[in-house]
Amino acid sequence: MAPSEFSVLVEVRLRHGIADPQGATIERALPALGLSGVTGVRAGKSFRFDIAASDEAAALAQATVVADRLLANPVIEESSVTIVGAGTPD
């Protein structure tokens, strides 16, 4: 079976308990913009890329390796990997 191309979304955020100065700054700025009631702001980053794999499970496994080994610092960050779409076989 020819590999299909899968679109992947990786979201990286600081682990619970790690200070998030960027999120805190955003949260403090919101009332000045007239936006009240927003709490718990946490900053993060997201990555989108495509992976060629035999099936969705293989794509998810490969994307998880990319996230764990390259995109997130496992000491202070955690990541979540989502397959957001599948293309056609190559």
N, C-alpha and C. Protein backbone atom coordinates (compact mmCIF):
# COMPACT_ATOMS: atom_id res chain seq x y z
N MET A 1 0.85 -1.19 0.00
CA MET A 1 0.00 0.00 0.00
C MET A 1 0.88 1.24 0.00
N ALA A 2 0.59 2.16 -0.88
CA ALA A 2 1.38 3.40 -0.97
C ALA A 2 1.07 4.28 0.23
N PRO A 3 2.08 5.00 0.70
CA PRO A 3 1.84 5.87 1.86
C PRO A 3 0.89 7.01 1.52
N SER A 4 0.15 7.43 2.51
CA SER A 4 -0.70 8.61 2.41
C SER A 4 -0.02 9.74 3.15
N GLU A 5 -0.42 10.96 2.85
CA GLU A 5 0.12 12.12 3.54
C GLU A 5 -0.89 12.56 4.59
N PHE A 6 -0.42 12.70 5.82
CA PHE A 6 -1.27 13.11 6.93
C PHE A 6 -0.81 14.47 7.44
N SER A 7 -1.77 15.36 7.66
CA SER A 7 -1.46 16.66 8.24
C SER A 7 -1.50 16.52 9.76
N VAL A 8 -0.50 17.10 10.40
CA VAL A 8 -0.31 16.94 11.84
C VAL A 8 -0.29 18.32 12.51
N LEU A 9 -0.90 18.40 13.68
CA LEU A 9 -0.82 19.58 14.53
C LEU A 9 -0.19 19.15 15.85
N VAL A 10 0.90 19.81 16.22
CA VAL A 10 1.55 19.57 17.51
C VAL A 10 1.42 20.85 18.33
N GLU A 11 0.85 20.73 19.52
CA GLU A 11 0.75 21.86 20.43
C GLU A 11 1.69 21.60 21.61
N VAL A 12 2.51 22.60 21.90
CA VAL A 12 3.49 22.50 22.99
C VAL A 12 3.16 23.58 24.01
N ARG A 13 3.11 23.19 25.26
CA ARG A 13 2.82 24.15 26.33
C ARG A 13 3.66 23.79 27.55
N LEU A 14 3.81 24.78 28.41
CA LEU A 14 4.57 24.54 29.64
C LEU A 14 3.81 23.57 30.54
N ARG A 15 4.55 22.73 31.23
CA ARG A 15 3.93 21.80 32.17
C ARG A 15 3.26 22.58 33.30
N HIS A 16 2.24 21.95 33.89
CA HIS A 16 1.57 22.56 35.04
C HIS A 16 2.59 22.80 36.14
N GLY A 17 2.54 23.98 36.74
CA GLY A 17 3.46 24.32 37.82
C GLY A 17 4.68 25.08 37.36
N ILE A 18 4.92 25.14 36.06
CA ILE A 18 6.04 25.92 35.53
C ILE A 18 5.55 27.35 35.28
N ALA A 19 6.28 28.32 35.78
CA ALA A 19 5.88 29.72 35.61
C ALA A 19 5.77 30.07 34.13
N ASP A 20 4.74 30.83 33.79
CA ASP A 20 4.48 31.24 32.41
C ASP A 20 4.40 32.76 32.35
N PRO A 21 5.55 33.44 32.30
CA PRO A 21 5.53 34.90 32.31
C PRO A 21 4.82 35.50 31.10
N GLN A 22 4.90 34.87 29.95
CA GLN A 22 4.22 35.39 28.77
C GLN A 22 2.70 35.32 28.94
N GLY A 23 2.21 34.20 29.44
CA GLY A 23 0.78 34.06 29.70
C GLY A 23 0.31 35.06 30.74
N ALA A 24 1.10 35.26 31.79
CA ALA A 24 0.74 36.21 32.85
C ALA A 24 0.69 37.64 32.31
N THR A 25 1.62 38.00 31.44
CA THR A 25 1.63 39.34 30.85
C THR A 25 0.39 39.56 29.99
N ILE A 26 0.04 38.56 29.21
CA ILE A 26 -1.17 38.66 28.37
C ILE A 26 -2.40 38.82 29.26
N GLU A 27 -2.49 38.01 30.30
CA GLU A 27 -3.64 38.07 31.19
C GLU A 27 -3.77 39.44 31.85
N ARG A 28 -2.65 40.02 32.28
CA ARG A 28 -2.68 41.36 32.91
C ARG A 28 -3.07 42.44 31.92
N ALA A 29 -2.77 42.26 30.64
CA ALA A 29 -3.06 43.29 29.62
C ALA A 29 -4.52 43.27 29.17
N LEU A 30 -5.22 42.18 29.35
CA LEU A 30 -6.58 42.06 28.83
C LEU A 30 -7.56 43.11 29.36
N PRO A 31 -7.57 43.41 30.68
CA PRO A 31 -8.51 44.43 31.16
C PRO A 31 -8.30 45.80 30.49
N ALA A 32 -7.07 46.15 30.17
CA ALA A 32 -6.80 47.43 29.51
C ALA A 32 -7.42 47.47 28.11
N LEU A 33 -7.69 46.30 27.55
CA LEU A 33 -8.33 46.22 26.23
C LEU A 33 -9.84 46.05 26.35
N GLY A 34 -10.34 46.14 27.59
CA GLY A 34 -11.76 46.01 27.81
C GLY A 34 -12.25 44.58 27.85
N LEU A 35 -11.34 43.66 28.05
CA LEU A 35 -11.68 42.24 28.08
C LEU A 35 -11.52 41.72 29.50
N SER A 36 -12.64 41.56 30.17
CA SER A 36 -12.58 41.09 31.56
C SER A 36 -13.07 39.65 31.64
N GLY A 37 -12.77 39.01 32.75
CA GLY A 37 -13.24 37.66 32.99
C GLY A 37 -12.38 36.58 32.35
N VAL A 38 -11.26 36.94 31.74
CA VAL A 38 -10.38 35.95 31.14
C VAL A 38 -9.30 35.61 32.16
N THR A 39 -9.20 34.35 32.52
CA THR A 39 -8.21 33.93 33.50
C THR A 39 -7.50 32.67 33.01
N GLY A 40 -6.42 32.34 33.67
CA GLY A 40 -5.70 31.10 33.37
C GLY A 40 -5.01 31.10 32.02
N VAL A 41 -4.58 32.25 31.55
CA VAL A 41 -3.94 32.32 30.24
C VAL A 41 -2.58 31.62 30.29
N ARG A 42 -2.36 30.71 29.37
CA ARG A 42 -1.09 30.00 29.23
C ARG A 42 -0.64 30.15 27.79
N ALA A 43 0.58 30.57 27.59
CA ALA A 43 1.14 30.70 26.25
C ALA A 43 1.74 29.38 25.82
N GLY A 44 1.78 29.16 24.54
CA GLY A 44 2.37 27.94 24.01
C GLY A 44 2.77 28.18 22.57
N LYS A 45 3.03 27.11 21.89
CA LYS A 45 3.37 27.21 20.47
C LYS A 45 2.78 26.01 19.75
N SER A 46 2.54 26.19 18.47
CA SER A 46 2.00 25.08 17.69
C SER A 46 2.82 24.92 16.42
N PHE A 47 2.84 23.69 15.95
CA PHE A 47 3.57 23.33 14.74
C PHE A 47 2.63 22.53 13.86
N ARG A 48 2.67 22.81 12.57
CA ARG A 48 1.90 22.03 11.59
C ARG A 48 2.88 21.49 10.56
N PHE A 49 2.72 20.22 10.22
CA PHE A 49 3.55 19.63 9.18
C PHE A 49 2.83 18.41 8.63
N ASP A 50 3.35 17.88 7.54
CA ASP A 50 2.79 16.70 6.89
C ASP A 50 3.74 15.52 7.07
N ILE A 51 3.16 14.34 7.18
CA ILE A 51 3.94 13.11 7.31
C ILE A 51 3.37 12.08 6.35
N ALA A 52 4.25 11.42 5.62
CA ALA A 52 3.84 10.31 4.77
C ALA A 52 3.94 9.04 5.61
N ALA A 53 2.83 8.30 5.68
CA ALA A 53 2.80 7.08 6.48
C ALA A 53 1.78 6.12 5.88
N SER A 54 1.89 4.86 6.28
CA SER A 54 0.99 3.83 5.75
C SER A 54 -0.43 3.98 6.27
N ASP A 55 -0.58 4.50 7.49
CA ASP A 55 -1.92 4.71 8.05
C ASP A 55 -1.85 5.78 9.14
N GLU A 56 -3.02 6.13 9.65
CA GLU A 56 -3.10 7.20 10.65
C GLU A 56 -2.33 6.87 11.92
N ALA A 57 -2.39 5.63 12.36
CA ALA A 57 -1.66 5.23 13.58
C ALA A 57 -0.16 5.39 13.40
N ALA A 58 0.36 5.02 12.24
CA ALA A 58 1.80 5.18 11.98
C ALA A 58 2.17 6.65 11.90
N ALA A 59 1.30 7.46 11.31
CA ALA A 59 1.56 8.90 11.23
C ALA A 59 1.59 9.52 12.62
N LEU A 60 0.63 9.12 13.47
CA LEU A 60 0.58 9.63 14.84
C LEU A 60 1.82 9.22 15.62
N ALA A 61 2.25 7.98 15.46
CA ALA A 61 3.45 7.50 16.17
C ALA A 61 4.68 8.28 15.73
N GLN A 62 4.83 8.49 14.42
CA GLN A 62 5.99 9.21 13.92
C GLN A 62 5.96 10.68 14.36
N ALA A 63 4.79 11.30 14.31
CA ALA A 63 4.67 12.70 14.73
C ALA A 63 4.94 12.86 16.23
N THR A 64 4.56 11.86 17.01
CA THR A 64 4.83 11.90 18.45
C THR A 64 6.32 11.86 18.73
N VAL A 65 7.04 11.06 17.97
CA VAL A 65 8.51 11.02 18.10
C VAL A 65 9.10 12.39 17.77
N VAL A 66 8.62 13.01 16.70
CA VAL A 66 9.11 14.35 16.32
C VAL A 66 8.85 15.33 17.46
N ALA A 67 7.62 15.31 17.99
CA ALA A 67 7.26 16.22 19.08
C ALA A 67 8.11 16.00 20.32
N ASP A 68 8.27 14.74 20.72
CA ASP A 68 9.00 14.41 21.95
C ASP A 68 10.49 14.65 21.84
N ARG A 69 11.06 14.39 20.68
CA ARG A 69 12.51 14.49 20.54
C ARG A 69 13.00 15.85 20.07
N LEU A 70 12.14 16.61 19.41
CA LEU A 70 12.63 17.85 18.79
C LEU A 70 11.84 19.09 19.18
N LEU A 71 10.54 19.01 19.24
CA LEU A 71 9.72 20.21 19.38
C LEU A 71 9.47 20.65 20.81
N ALA A 72 9.49 19.73 21.75
CA ALA A 72 9.20 20.06 23.14
C ALA A 72 10.40 19.72 24.02
N ASN A 73 10.63 20.56 25.01
CA ASN A 73 11.64 20.29 26.03
C ASN A 73 10.94 19.48 27.12
N PRO A 74 11.23 18.20 27.24
CA PRO A 74 10.46 17.34 28.15
C PRO A 74 10.61 17.71 29.63
N VAL A 75 11.60 18.50 29.97
CA VAL A 75 11.79 18.90 31.37
C VAL A 75 10.71 19.90 31.78
N ILE A 76 10.35 20.83 30.89
CA ILE A 76 9.41 21.89 31.27
C ILE A 76 8.17 21.96 30.39
N GLU A 77 8.13 21.20 29.30
CA GLU A 77 7.01 21.29 28.37
C GLU A 77 6.36 19.94 28.15
N GLU A 78 5.09 19.98 27.73
CA GLU A 78 4.38 18.80 27.31
C GLU A 78 3.77 19.10 25.94
N SER A 79 3.51 18.04 25.19
CA SER A 79 2.97 18.25 23.86
C SER A 79 1.78 17.33 23.61
N SER A 80 0.94 17.76 22.69
CA SER A 80 -0.14 16.91 22.22
C SER A 80 -0.07 16.89 20.70
N VAL A 81 -0.33 15.72 20.14
CA VAL A 81 -0.23 15.52 18.70
C VAL A 81 -1.60 15.11 18.18
N THR A 82 -2.05 15.78 17.12
CA THR A 82 -3.33 15.48 16.51
C THR A 82 -3.17 15.35 15.01
N ILE A 83 -3.76 14.33 14.45
CA ILE A 83 -3.83 14.20 12.99
C ILE A 83 -5.05 15.02 12.57
N VAL A 84 -4.84 16.02 11.72
CA VAL A 84 -5.94 16.92 11.37
C VAL A 84 -6.52 16.66 9.98
N GLY A 85 -5.91 15.75 9.24
CA GLY A 85 -6.46 15.42 7.94
C GLY A 85 -5.57 14.43 7.23
N ALA A 86 -6.14 13.78 6.25
CA ALA A 86 -5.35 12.83 5.45
C ALA A 86 -5.47 13.21 4.00
N GLY A 87 -4.39 13.09 3.30
CA GLY A 87 -4.38 13.39 1.87
C GLY A 87 -4.61 12.13 1.06
N THR A 88 -4.16 12.18 -0.15
CA THR A 88 -4.30 11.04 -1.06
C THR A 88 -2.98 10.31 -1.12
N PRO A 89 -2.98 9.05 -1.50
CA PRO A 89 -1.73 8.31 -1.62
C PRO A 89 -0.78 8.97 -2.60
N ASP A 90 0.53 8.87 -2.31
CA ASP A 90 1.55 9.43 -3.21
C ASP A 90 1.58 8.71 -4.53
